[in-house]
């Protein structure tokens, strides 16, 4: 099961930071911080060749919740726009309740709708 942190596309994060007013120098610095990590895997007690991730935010990184909020706000805006244009119809909990198209939590997103 993948979590929302694992699915954050860096290009989307970059665009969202720029559109919300981050200076381009800060955006470059933040993208460098999240993309410069190198992971190593140990198999049978031997360290294998390292690899760089291509997307996602690290659990436990103090910056990750804030970056996730930037992405969440962008996704929320896109969902509101899609609902206004009739592209998405949210689900109702009961007949008189409001339509809910998405729920955003501290580190996860849930999308609801009719098929």
PDB file of N, CA and C in Angstrom:
ATOM      1  N   UNK A   1       0.848  -1.175   0.000  1.00  0.00           N
ATOM      2  CA  UNK A   1       0.000   0.000   0.000  1.00  0.00           C
ATOM      3  C   UNK A   1       0.894   1.238   0.000  1.00  0.00           C
ATOM      4  N   UNK A   2       0.722   2.080  -0.973  1.00  0.00           N
ATOM      5  CA  UNK A   2       1.530   3.293  -1.007  1.00  0.00           C
ATOM      6  C   UNK A   2       0.752   4.434  -0.357  1.00  0.00           C
ATOM      7  N   UNK A   3       1.478   5.299   0.280  1.00  0.00           N
ATOM      8  CA  UNK A   3       0.882   6.454   0.935  1.00  0.00           C
ATOM      9  C   UNK A   3       1.073   7.676   0.036  1.00  0.00           C
ATOM     10  N   UNK A   4       0.349   8.730   0.358  1.00  0.00           N
ATOM     11  CA  UNK A   4       0.395   9.933  -0.465  1.00  0.00           C
ATOM     12  C   UNK A   4       1.798  10.529  -0.535  1.00  0.00           C
ATOM     13  N   UNK A   5       2.556  10.451   0.554  1.00  0.00           N
ATOM     14  CA  UNK A   5       3.925  10.984   0.540  1.00  0.00           C
ATOM     15  C   UNK A   5       4.757  10.320  -0.556  1.00  0.00           C
ATOM     16  N   UNK A   6       4.541   9.033  -0.768  1.00  0.00           N
ATOM     17  CA  UNK A   6       5.323   8.283  -1.751  1.00  0.00           C
ATOM     18  C   UNK A   6       4.992   8.685  -3.182  1.00  0.00           C
ATOM     19  N   UNK A   7       3.829   9.267  -3.402  1.00  0.00           N
ATOM     20  CA  UNK A   7       3.339   9.532  -4.747  1.00  0.00           C
ATOM     21  C   UNK A   7       3.532  10.979  -5.208  1.00  0.00           C
ATOM     22  N   UNK A   8       4.082  11.827  -4.378  1.00  0.00           N
ATOM     23  CA  UNK A   8       4.243  13.241  -4.749  1.00  0.00           C
ATOM     24  C   UNK A   8       5.245  13.357  -5.895  1.00  0.00           C
ATOM     25  N   UNK A   9       4.773  13.923  -6.999  1.00  0.00           N
ATOM     26  CA  UNK A   9       5.641  14.164  -8.154  1.00  0.00           C
ATOM     27  C   UNK A   9       6.382  15.480  -7.935  1.00  0.00           C
ATOM     28  N   UNK A  10       7.691  15.438  -8.080  1.00  0.00           N
ATOM     29  CA  UNK A  10       8.488  16.631  -7.817  1.00  0.00           C
ATOM     30  C   UNK A  10       8.165  17.770  -8.780  1.00  0.00           C
ATOM     31  N   UNK A  11       7.833  17.451 -10.031  1.00  0.00           N
ATOM     32  CA  UNK A  11       7.506  18.513 -10.992  1.00  0.00           C
ATOM     33  C   UNK A  11       6.226  19.245 -10.566  1.00  0.00           C
ATOM     34  N   UNK A  12       5.237  18.494 -10.040  1.00  0.00           N
ATOM     35  CA  UNK A  12       4.002  19.119  -9.548  1.00  0.00           C
ATOM     36  C   UNK A  12       4.298  19.996  -8.336  1.00  0.00           C
ATOM     37  N   UNK A  13       5.100  19.482  -7.420  1.00  0.00           N
ATOM     38  CA  UNK A  13       5.489  20.250  -6.237  1.00  0.00           C
ATOM     39  C   UNK A  13       6.189  21.544  -6.644  1.00  0.00           C
ATOM     40  N   UNK A  14       7.090  21.451  -7.595  1.00  0.00           N
ATOM     41  CA  UNK A  14       7.832  22.619  -8.083  1.00  0.00           C
ATOM     42  C   UNK A  14       6.867  23.666  -8.654  1.00  0.00           C
ATOM     43  N   UNK A  15       5.943  23.235  -9.512  1.00  0.00           N
ATOM     44  CA  UNK A  15       4.975  24.160 -10.102  1.00  0.00           C
ATOM     45  C   UNK A  15       4.072  24.787  -9.044  1.00  0.00           C
ATOM     46  N   UNK A  16       3.652  23.992  -8.070  1.00  0.00           N
ATOM     47  CA  UNK A  16       2.779  24.515  -7.016  1.00  0.00           C
ATOM     48  C   UNK A  16       3.507  25.547  -6.161  1.00  0.00           C
ATOM     49  N   UNK A  17       4.774  25.293  -5.855  1.00  0.00           N
ATOM     50  CA  UNK A  17       5.530  26.270  -5.063  1.00  0.00           C
ATOM     51  C   UNK A  17       5.688  27.577  -5.832  1.00  0.00           C
ATOM     52  N   UNK A  18       5.983  27.489  -7.123  1.00  0.00           N
ATOM     53  CA  UNK A  18       6.130  28.697  -7.929  1.00  0.00           C
ATOM     54  C   UNK A  18       4.812  29.464  -8.015  1.00  0.00           C
ATOM     55  N   UNK A  19       3.701  28.745  -8.204  1.00  0.00           N
ATOM     56  CA  UNK A  19       2.393  29.397  -8.330  1.00  0.00           C
ATOM     57  C   UNK A  19       1.898  29.995  -7.022  1.00  0.00           C
ATOM     58  N   UNK A  20       2.385  29.490  -5.902  1.00  0.00           N
ATOM     59  CA  UNK A  20       1.963  30.051  -4.616  1.00  0.00           C
ATOM     60  C   UNK A  20       2.909  31.135  -4.120  1.00  0.00           C
ATOM     61  N   UNK A  21       3.887  31.505  -4.941  1.00  0.00           N
ATOM     62  CA  UNK A  21       4.710  32.659  -4.611  1.00  0.00           C
ATOM     63  C   UNK A  21       6.089  32.384  -4.053  1.00  0.00           C
ATOM     64  N   UNK A  22       6.519  31.124  -4.039  1.00  0.00           N
ATOM     65  CA  UNK A  22       7.879  30.837  -3.591  1.00  0.00           C
ATOM     66  C   UNK A  22       8.863  31.417  -4.600  1.00  0.00           C
ATOM     67  N   UNK A  23       9.954  31.977  -4.118  1.00  0.00           N
ATOM     68  CA  UNK A  23      11.015  32.463  -5.004  1.00  0.00           C
ATOM     69  C   UNK A  23      11.652  31.266  -5.702  1.00  0.00           C
ATOM     70  N   UNK A  24      12.028  31.444  -6.961  1.00  0.00           N
ATOM     71  CA  UNK A  24      12.585  30.323  -7.728  1.00  0.00           C
ATOM     72  C   UNK A  24      13.860  29.777  -7.088  1.00  0.00           C
ATOM     73  N   UNK A  25      14.636  30.636  -6.429  1.00  0.00           N
ATOM     74  CA  UNK A  25      15.852  30.147  -5.765  1.00  0.00           C
ATOM     75  C   UNK A  25      15.501  29.201  -4.615  1.00  0.00           C
ATOM     76  N   UNK A  26      14.413  29.496  -3.877  1.00  0.00           N
ATOM     77  CA  UNK A  26      13.964  28.606  -2.801  1.00  0.00           C
ATOM     78  C   UNK A  26      13.445  27.296  -3.366  1.00  0.00           C
ATOM     79  N   UNK A  27      12.706  27.382  -4.463  1.00  0.00           N
ATOM     80  CA  UNK A  27      12.169  26.167  -5.089  1.00  0.00           C
ATOM     81  C   UNK A  27      13.315  25.257  -5.515  1.00  0.00           C
ATOM     82  N   UNK A  28      14.318  25.826  -6.152  1.00  0.00           N
ATOM     83  CA  UNK A  28      15.480  25.033  -6.572  1.00  0.00           C
ATOM     84  C   UNK A  28      16.170  24.398  -5.370  1.00  0.00           C
ATOM     85  N   UNK A  29      16.322  25.158  -4.299  1.00  0.00           N
ATOM     86  CA  UNK A  29      16.976  24.645  -3.099  1.00  0.00           C
ATOM     87  C   UNK A  29      16.177  23.495  -2.477  1.00  0.00           C
ATOM     88  N   UNK A  30      14.873  23.662  -2.363  1.00  0.00           N
ATOM     89  CA  UNK A  30      14.026  22.618  -1.774  1.00  0.00           C
ATOM     90  C   UNK A  30      14.032  21.366  -2.638  1.00  0.00           C
ATOM     91  N   UNK A  31      13.916  21.527  -3.942  1.00  0.00           N
ATOM     92  CA  UNK A  31      13.950  20.360  -4.840  1.00  0.00           C
ATOM     93  C   UNK A  31      15.300  19.663  -4.726  1.00  0.00           C
ATOM     94  N   UNK A  32      16.376  20.429  -4.608  1.00  0.00           N
ATOM     95  CA  UNK A  32      17.692  19.817  -4.414  1.00  0.00           C
ATOM     96  C   UNK A  32      17.718  19.007  -3.116  1.00  0.00           C
ATOM     97  N   UNK A  33      17.162  19.565  -2.051  1.00  0.00           N
ATOM     98  CA  UNK A  33      17.161  18.874  -0.749  1.00  0.00           C
ATOM     99  C   UNK A  33      16.407  17.553  -0.799  1.00  0.00           C
ATOM    100  N   UNK A  34      15.287  17.506  -1.514  1.00  0.00           N
ATOM    101  CA  UNK A  34      14.512  16.260  -1.530  1.00  0.00           C
ATOM    102  C   UNK A  34      14.987  15.281  -2.598  1.00  0.00           C
ATOM    103  N   UNK A  35      15.744  15.763  -3.581  1.00  0.00           N
ATOM    104  CA  UNK A  35      16.162  14.866  -4.669  1.00  0.00           C
ATOM    105  C   UNK A  35      17.613  14.405  -4.560  1.00  0.00           C
ATOM    106  N   UNK A  36      18.384  14.977  -3.654  1.00  0.00           N
ATOM    107  CA  UNK A  36      19.809  14.634  -3.583  1.00  0.00           C
ATOM    108  C   UNK A  36      20.098  13.437  -2.685  1.00  0.00           C
ATOM    109  N   UNK A  37      19.072  12.874  -2.080  1.00  0.00           N
ATOM    110  CA  UNK A  37      19.251  11.716  -1.193  1.00  0.00           C
ATOM    111  C   UNK A  37      19.661  10.493  -2.019  1.00  0.00           C
ATOM    112  N   UNK A  38      20.430   9.624  -1.414  1.00  0.00           N
ATOM    113  CA  UNK A  38      20.854   8.381  -2.061  1.00  0.00           C
ATOM    114  C   UNK A  38      20.487   7.227  -1.133  1.00  0.00           C
ATOM    115  N   UNK A  39      19.720   6.263  -1.656  1.00  0.00           N
ATOM    116  CA  UNK A  39      19.297   5.102  -0.868  1.00  0.00           C
ATOM    117  C   UNK A  39      20.191   3.908  -1.162  1.00  0.00           C
ATOM    118  N   UNK A  40      20.473   3.134  -0.130  1.00  0.00           N
ATOM    119  CA  UNK A  40      21.223   1.891  -0.276  1.00  0.00           C
ATOM    120  C   UNK A  40      20.394   0.755   0.306  1.00  0.00           C
ATOM    121  N   UNK A  41      20.462  -0.408  -0.318  1.00  0.00           N
ATOM    122  CA  UNK A  41      19.737  -1.584   0.157  1.00  0.00           C
ATOM    123  C   UNK A  41      20.750  -2.632   0.590  1.00  0.00           C
ATOM    124  N   UNK A  42      20.478  -3.258   1.729  1.00  0.00           N
ATOM    125  CA  UNK A  42      21.333  -4.329   2.238  1.00  0.00           C
ATOM    126  C   UNK A  42      20.640  -5.661   1.943  1.00  0.00           C
ATOM    127  N   UNK A  43      21.328  -6.538   1.201  1.00  0.00           N
ATOM    128  CA  UNK A  43      20.809  -7.865   0.869  1.00  0.00           C
ATOM    129  C   UNK A  43      21.808  -8.897   1.365  1.00  0.00           C
ATOM    130  N   UNK A  44      21.345  -9.788   2.230  1.00  0.00           N
ATOM    131  CA  UNK A  44      22.213 -10.821   2.807  1.00  0.00           C
ATOM    132  C   UNK A  44      23.462 -10.222   3.447  1.00  0.00           C
ATOM    133  N   UNK A  45      23.304  -9.089   4.106  1.00  0.00           N
ATOM    134  CA  UNK A  45      24.410  -8.462   4.810  1.00  0.00           C
ATOM    135  C   UNK A  45      25.344  -7.651   3.935  1.00  0.00           C
ATOM    136  N   UNK A  46      25.074  -7.576   2.634  1.00  0.00           N
ATOM    137  CA  UNK A  46      25.933  -6.814   1.721  1.00  0.00           C
ATOM    138  C   UNK A  46      25.185  -5.588   1.213  1.00  0.00           C
ATOM    139  N   UNK A  47      25.883  -4.462   1.231  1.00  0.00           N
ATOM    140  CA  UNK A  47      25.297  -3.215   0.745  1.00  0.00           C
ATOM    141  C   UNK A  47      25.360  -3.206  -0.777  1.00  0.00           C
ATOM    142  N   UNK A  48      24.216  -3.009  -1.391  1.00  0.00           N
ATOM    143  CA  UNK A  48      24.119  -2.948  -2.854  1.00  0.00           C
ATOM    144  C   UNK A  48      24.307  -1.518  -3.341  1.00  0.00           C
ATOM    145  N   UNK A  49      24.412  -1.374  -4.647  1.00  0.00           N
ATOM    146  CA  UNK A  49      24.610  -0.064  -5.258  1.00  0.00           C
ATOM    147  C   UNK A  49      23.458   0.875  -4.901  1.00  0.00           C
ATOM    148  N   UNK A  50      23.794   2.125  -4.619  1.00  0.00           N
ATOM    149  CA  UNK A  50      22.798   3.116  -4.236  1.00  0.00           C
ATOM    150  C   UNK A  50      21.981   3.601  -5.423  1.00  0.00           C
ATOM    151  N   UNK A  51      20.833   4.177  -5.119  1.00  0.00           N
ATOM    152  CA  UNK A  51      19.990   4.747  -6.169  1.00  0.00           C
ATOM    153  C   UNK A  51      19.298   6.004  -5.639  1.00  0.00           C
ATOM    154  N   UNK A  52      18.972   6.896  -6.562  1.00  0.00           N
ATOM    155  CA  UNK A  52      18.277   8.147  -6.239  1.00  0.00           C
ATOM    156  C   UNK A  52      16.780   7.954  -6.468  1.00  0.00           C
ATOM    157  N   UNK A  53      15.947   8.442  -5.557  1.00  0.00           N
ATOM    158  CA  UNK A  53      14.501   8.380  -5.803  1.00  0.00           C
ATOM    159  C   UNK A  53      14.122   9.357  -6.915  1.00  0.00           C
ATOM    160  N   UNK A  54      12.993   9.127  -7.552  1.00  0.00           N
ATOM    161  CA  UNK A  54      12.537  10.012  -8.629  1.00  0.00           C
ATOM    162  C   UNK A  54      11.261  10.761  -8.271  1.00  0.00           C
ATOM    163  N   UNK A  55      10.664  10.429  -7.133  1.00  0.00           N
ATOM    164  CA  UNK A  55       9.476  11.137  -6.654  1.00  0.00           C
ATOM    165  C   UNK A  55       9.300  10.831  -5.176  1.00  0.00           C
ATOM    166  N   UNK A  56       8.363  11.506  -4.561  1.00  0.00           N
ATOM    167  CA  UNK A  56       8.017  11.216  -3.177  1.00  0.00           C
ATOM    168  C   UNK A  56       8.698  12.129  -2.176  1.00  0.00           C
ATOM    169  N   UNK A  57       8.116  12.130  -0.979  1.00  0.00           N
ATOM    170  CA  UNK A  57       8.657  12.865   0.158  1.00  0.00           C
ATOM    171  C   UNK A  57       9.003  11.857   1.235  1.00  0.00           C
ATOM    172  N   UNK A  58      10.074  12.121   1.966  1.00  0.00           N
ATOM    173  CA  UNK A  58      10.523  11.169   2.988  1.00  0.00           C
ATOM    174  C   UNK A  58       9.709  11.291   4.266  1.00  0.00           C
ATOM    175  N   UNK A  59       9.250  10.158   4.769  1.00  0.00           N
ATOM    176  CA  UNK A  59       8.609  10.119   6.081  1.00  0.00           C
ATOM    177  C   UNK A  59       9.658  10.518   7.117  1.00  0.00           C
ATOM    178  N   UNK A  60       9.284  11.341   8.061  1.00  0.00           N
ATOM    179  CA  UNK A  60      10.208  11.748   9.111  1.00  0.00           C
ATOM    180  C   UNK A  60      11.002  13.002   8.803  1.00  0.00           C
ATOM    181  N   UNK A  61      11.017  13.432   7.546  1.00  0.00           N
ATOM    182  CA  UNK A  61      11.695  14.673   7.190  1.00  0.00           C
ATOM    183  C   UNK A  61      10.827  15.828   7.691  1.00  0.00           C
ATOM    184  N   UNK A  62      11.386  16.760   8.486  1.00  0.00           N
ATOM    185  CA  UNK A  62      10.557  17.839   9.032  1.00  0.00           C
ATOM    186  C   UNK A  62       9.939  18.743   7.964  1.00  0.00           C
ATOM    187  N   UNK A  63      10.493  18.757   6.772  1.00  0.00           N
ATOM    188  CA  UNK A  63       9.968  19.588   5.693  1.00  0.00           C
ATOM    189  C   UNK A  63       8.796  18.920   4.963  1.00  0.00           C
ATOM    190  N   UNK A  64       8.707  17.599   5.007  1.00  0.00           N
ATOM    191  CA  UNK A  64       7.708  16.856   4.230  1.00  0.00           C
ATOM    192  C   UNK A  64       6.262  17.264   4.496  1.00  0.00           C
ATOM    193  N   UNK A  65       5.823  17.437   5.746  1.00  0.00           N
ATOM    194  CA  UNK A  65       4.421  17.830   5.949  1.00  0.00           C
ATOM    195  C   UNK A  65       4.067  19.164   5.291  1.00  0.00           C
ATOM    196  N   UNK A  66       4.989  20.104   5.303  1.00  0.00           N
ATOM    197  CA  UNK A  66       4.733  21.409   4.697  1.00  0.00           C
ATOM    198  C   UNK A  66       4.674  21.308   3.174  1.00  0.00           C
ATOM    199  N   UNK A  67       5.579  20.519   2.604  1.00  0.00           N
ATOM    200  CA  UNK A  67       5.572  20.333   1.155  1.00  0.00           C
ATOM    201  C   UNK A  67       4.319  19.583   0.719  1.00  0.00           C
ATOM    202  N   UNK A  68       3.894  18.623   1.528  1.00  0.00           N
ATOM    203  CA  UNK A  68       2.670  17.892   1.217  1.00  0.00           C
ATOM    204  C   UNK A  68       1.464  18.829   1.246  1.00  0.00           C
ATOM    205  N   UNK A  69       1.446  19.773   2.177  1.00  0.00           N
ATOM    206  CA  UNK A  69       0.350  20.747   2.234  1.00  0.00           C
ATOM    207  C   UNK A  69       0.300  21.616   0.980  1.00  0.00           C
ATOM    208  N   UNK A  70       1.463  21.980   0.449  1.00  0.00           N
ATOM    209  CA  UNK A  70       1.507  22.760  -0.790  1.00  0.00           C
ATOM    210  C   UNK A  70       0.863  21.957  -1.918  1.00  0.00           C
ATOM    211  N   UNK A  71       1.224  20.673  -2.028  1.00  0.00           N
ATOM    212  CA  UNK A  71       0.634  19.807  -3.057  1.00  0.00           C
ATOM    213  C   UNK A  71      -0.854  19.596  -2.809  1.00  0.00           C
ATOM    214  N   UNK A  72      -1.230  19.409  -1.560  1.00  0.00           N
ATOM    215  CA  UNK A  72      -2.635  19.180  -1.214  1.00  0.00           C
ATOM    216  C   UNK A  72      -3.500  20.370  -1.600  1.00  0.00           C
ATOM    217  N   UNK A  73      -2.999  21.557  -1.370  1.00  0.00           N
ATOM    218  CA  UNK A  73      -3.752  22.754  -1.735  1.00  0.00           C
ATOM    219  C   UNK A  73      -3.950  22.816  -3.249  1.00  0.00           C
ATOM    220  N   UNK A  74      -2.925  22.447  -3.998  1.00  0.00           N
ATOM    221  CA  UNK A  74      -3.046  22.414  -5.455  1.00  0.00           C
ATOM    222  C   UNK A  74      -4.062  21.387  -5.921  1.00  0.00           C
ATOM    223  N   UNK A  75      -4.014  20.191  -5.346  1.00  0.00           N
ATOM    224  CA  UNK A  75      -4.980  19.155  -5.707  1.00  0.00           C
ATOM    225  C   UNK A  75      -6.396  19.565  -5.322  1.00  0.00           C
ATOM    226  N   UNK A  76      -6.538  20.178  -4.164  1.00  0.00           N
ATOM    227  CA  UNK A  76      -7.852  20.627  -3.712  1.00  0.00           C
ATOM    228  C   UNK A  76      -8.418  21.683  -4.666  1.00  0.00           C
ATOM    229  N   UNK A  77      -7.589  22.599  -5.102  1.00  0.00           N
ATOM    230  CA  UNK A  77      -8.024  23.622  -6.058  1.00  0.00           C
ATOM    231  C   UNK A  77      -8.444  22.996  -7.380  1.00  0.00           C
ATOM    232  N   UNK A  78      -7.687  22.013  -7.846  1.00  0.00           N
ATOM    233  CA  UNK A  78      -8.036  21.328  -9.094  1.00  0.00           C
ATOM    234  C   UNK A  78      -9.353  20.569  -8.961  1.00  0.00           C
ATOM    235  N   UNK A  79      -9.581  19.936  -7.821  1.00  0.00           N
ATOM    236  CA  UNK A  79     -10.836  19.214  -7.601  1.00  0.00           C
ATOM    237  C   UNK A  79     -12.023  20.179  -7.540  1.00  0.00           C
ATOM    238  N   UNK A  80     -11.851  21.328  -6.883  1.00  0.00           N
ATOM    239  CA  UNK A  80     -12.926  22.330  -6.837  1.00  0.00           C
ATOM    240  C   UNK A  80     -13.267  22.820  -8.242  1.00  0.00           C
ATOM    241  N   UNK A  81     -12.242  23.070  -9.045  1.00  0.00           N
ATOM    242  CA  UNK A  81     -12.450  23.523 -10.418  1.00  0.00           C
ATOM    243  C   UNK A  81     -13.169  22.451 -11.235  1.00  0.00           C
ATOM    244  N   UNK A  82     -12.765  21.200 -11.081  1.00  0.00           N
ATOM    245  CA  UNK A  82     -13.407  20.096 -11.808  1.00  0.00           C
ATOM    246  C   UNK A  82     -14.875  19.959 -11.404  1.00  0.00           C
ATOM    247  N   UNK A  83     -15.185  20.143 -10.130  1.00  0.00           N
ATOM    248  CA  UNK A  83     -16.588  20.083  -9.673  1.00  0.00           C
ATOM    249  C   UNK A  83     -17.389  21.239 -10.256  1.00  0.00           C
ATOM    250  N   UNK A  84     -16.807  22.435 -10.283  1.00  0.00           N
ATOM    251  CA  UNK A  84     -17.510  23.602 -10.822  1.00  0.00           C
ATOM    252  C   UNK A  84     -17.821  23.424 -12.302  1.00  0.00           C
ATOM    253  N   UNK A  85     -16.921  22.757 -13.022  1.00  0.00           N
ATOM    254  CA  UNK A  85     -17.110  22.547 -14.455  1.00  0.00           C
ATOM    255  C   UNK A  85     -17.907  21.281 -14.760  1.00  0.00           C
ATOM    256  N   UNK A  86     -18.345  20.575 -13.729  1.00  0.00           N
ATOM    257  CA  UNK A  86     -19.154  19.380 -13.922  1.00  0.00           C
ATOM    258  C   UNK A  86     -18.387  18.148 -14.357  1.00  0.00           C
ATOM    259  N   UNK A  87     -17.082  18.161 -14.220  1.00  0.00           N
ATOM    260  CA  UNK A  87     -16.261  17.018 -14.619  1.00  0.00           C
ATOM    261  C   UNK A  87     -16.222  15.933 -13.554  1.00  0.00           C
ATOM    262  N   UNK A  88     -16.464  16.323 -12.314  1.00  0.00           N
ATOM    263  CA  UNK A  88     -16.423  15.394 -11.183  1.00  0.00           C
ATOM    264  C   UNK A  88     -17.681  15.606 -10.354  1.00  0.00           C
ATOM    265  N   UNK A  89     -18.287  14.512  -9.929  1.00  0.00           N
ATOM    266  CA  UNK A  89     -19.433  14.599  -9.034  1.00  0.00           C
ATOM    267  C   UNK A  89     -19.069  13.884  -7.747  1.00  0.00           C
ATOM    268  N   UNK A  90     -19.118  14.586  -6.652  1.00  0.00           N
ATOM    269  CA  UNK A  90     -18.775  13.998  -5.365  1.00  0.00           C
ATOM    270  C   UNK A  90     -19.824  13.015  -4.877  1.00  0.00           C
ATOM    271  N   UNK A  91     -19.498  12.318  -3.821  1.00  0.00           N
ATOM    272  CA  UNK A  91     -20.418  11.360  -3.203  1.00  0.00           C
ATOM    273  C   UNK A  91     -21.118  12.026  -2.020  1.00  0.00           C
ATOM    274  N   UNK A  92     -22.322  11.562  -1.723  1.00  0.00           N
ATOM    275  CA  UNK A  92     -23.079  12.059  -0.573  1.00  0.00           C
ATOM    276  C   UNK A  92     -23.115  10.985   0.502  1.00  0.00           C
ATOM    277  N   UNK A  93     -22.941  11.398   1.745  1.00  0.00           N
ATOM    278  CA  UNK A  93     -23.031  10.472   2.867  1.00  0.00           C
ATOM    279  C   UNK A  93     -24.499  10.123   3.119  1.00  0.00           C
ATOM    280  N   UNK A  94     -25.389  11.112   2.959  1.00  0.00           N
ATOM    281  CA  UNK A  94     -26.827  10.870   3.022  1.00  0.00           C
ATOM    282  C   UNK A  94     -27.505  11.761   1.991  1.00  0.00           C
ATOM    283  N   UNK A  95     -28.806  11.604   1.819  1.00  0.00           N
ATOM    284  CA  UNK A  95     -29.516  12.311   0.742  1.00  0.00           C
ATOM    285  C   UNK A  95     -29.438  13.825   0.848  1.00  0.00           C
ATOM    286  N   UNK A  96     -29.454  14.343   2.046  1.00  0.00           N
ATOM    287  CA  UNK A  96     -29.450  15.800   2.228  1.00  0.00           C
ATOM    288  C   UNK A  96     -28.060  16.363   2.505  1.00  0.00           C
ATOM    289  N   UNK A  97     -27.090  15.503   2.602  1.00  0.00           N
ATOM    290  CA  UNK A  97     -25.734  15.947   2.911  1.00  0.00           C
ATOM    291  C   UNK A  97     -25.044  16.575   1.712  1.00  0.00           C
ATOM    292  N   UNK A  98     -23.975  17.280   1.952  1.00  0.00           N
ATOM    293  CA  UNK A  98     -23.219  17.895   0.854  1.00  0.00           C
ATOM    294  C   UNK A  98     -22.462  16.839   0.053  1.00  0.00           C
ATOM    295  N   UNK A  99     -22.170  17.176  -1.188  1.00  0.00           N
ATOM    296  CA  UNK A  99     -21.336  16.292  -2.000  1.00  0.00           C
ATOM    297  C   UNK A  99     -19.891  16.456  -1.550  1.00  0.00           C
ATOM    298  N   UNK A 100     -19.229  15.344  -1.353  1.00  0.00           N
ATOM    299  CA  UNK A 100     -17.823  15.358  -0.940  1.00  0.00           C
ATOM    300  C   UNK A 100     -17.014  14.733  -2.060  1.00  0.00           C
ATOM    301  N   UNK A 101     -16.069  15.485  -2.613  1.00  0.00           N
ATOM    302  CA  UNK A 101     -15.250  14.961  -3.708  1.00  0.00           C
ATOM    303  C   UNK A 101     -13.868  14.531  -3.241  1.00  0.00           C
ATOM    304  N   UNK A 102     -13.413  15.090  -2.119  1.00  0.00           N
ATOM    305  CA  UNK A 102     -12.085  14.718  -1.641  1.00  0.00           C
ATOM    306  C   UNK A 102     -11.924  15.094  -0.169  1.00  0.00           C
ATOM    307  N   UNK A 103     -11.082  14.328   0.499  1.00  0.00           N
ATOM    308  CA  UNK A 103     -10.716  14.587   1.889  1.00  0.00           C
ATOM    309  C   UNK A 103      -9.199  14.585   1.957  1.00  0.00           C
ATOM    310  N   UNK A 104      -8.629  15.580   2.605  1.00  0.00           N
ATOM    311  CA  UNK A 104      -7.177  15.663   2.724  1.00  0.00           C
ATOM    312  C   UNK A 104      -6.817  15.629   4.200  1.00  0.00           C
ATOM    313  N   UNK A 105      -5.948  14.700   4.545  1.00  0.00           N
ATOM    314  CA  UNK A 105      -5.489  14.537   5.917  1.00  0.00           C
ATOM    315  C   UNK A 105      -4.038  14.988   6.005  1.00  0.00           C
ATOM    316  N   UNK A 106      -3.435  14.838   7.164  1.00  0.00           N
ATOM    317  CA  UNK A 106      -2.062  15.296   7.384  1.00  0.00           C
ATOM    318  C   UNK A 106      -1.085  14.666   6.403  1.00  0.00           C
ATOM    319  N   UNK A 107      -1.280  13.394   6.071  1.00  0.00           N
ATOM    320  CA  UNK A 107      -0.329  12.726   5.177  1.00  0.00           C
ATOM    321  C   UNK A 107      -1.011  11.807   4.174  1.00  0.00           C
ATOM    322  N   UNK A 108      -2.270  12.101   3.826  1.00  0.00           N
ATOM    323  CA  UNK A 108      -2.986  11.232   2.900  1.00  0.00           C
ATOM    324  C   UNK A 108      -4.143  11.988   2.250  1.00  0.00           C
ATOM    325  N   UNK A 109      -4.620  11.485   1.108  1.00  0.00           N
ATOM    326  CA  UNK A 109      -5.760  12.049   0.392  1.00  0.00           C
ATOM    327  C   UNK A 109      -6.734  10.929   0.053  1.00  0.00           C
ATOM    328  N   UNK A 110      -8.022  11.236   0.107  1.00  0.00           N
ATOM    329  CA  UNK A 110      -9.053  10.294  -0.318  1.00  0.00           C
ATOM    330  C   UNK A 110      -9.942  11.028  -1.314  1.00  0.00           C
ATOM    331  N   UNK A 111     -10.172  10.414  -2.477  1.00  0.00           N
ATOM    332  CA  UNK A 111     -11.032  10.990  -3.503  1.00  0.00           C
ATOM    333  C   UNK A 111     -12.307  10.168  -3.588  1.00  0.00           C
ATOM    334  N   UNK A 112     -13.442  10.856  -3.612  1.00  0.00           N
ATOM    335  CA  UNK A 112     -14.747  10.207  -3.632  1.00  0.00           C
ATOM    336  C   UNK A 112     -15.523  10.678  -4.848  1.00  0.00           C
ATOM    337  N   UNK A 113     -16.348   9.802  -5.401  1.00  0.00           N
ATOM    338  CA  UNK A 113     -17.186  10.208  -6.514  1.00  0.00           C
ATOM    339  C   UNK A 113     -18.010   9.065  -7.043  1.00  0.00           C
ATOM    340  N   UNK A 114     -18.886   9.386  -7.968  1.00  0.00           N
ATOM    341  CA  UNK A 114     -19.738   8.391  -8.607  1.00  0.00           C
ATOM    342  C   UNK A 114     -19.084   7.904  -9.888  1.00  0.00           C
ATOM    343  N   UNK A 115     -19.316   6.642 -10.179  1.00  0.00           N
ATOM    344  CA  UNK A 115     -18.858   6.081 -11.453  1.00  0.00           C
ATOM    345  C   UNK A 115     -19.996   6.041 -12.432  1.00  0.00           C
TER     346      UNK A 115
END
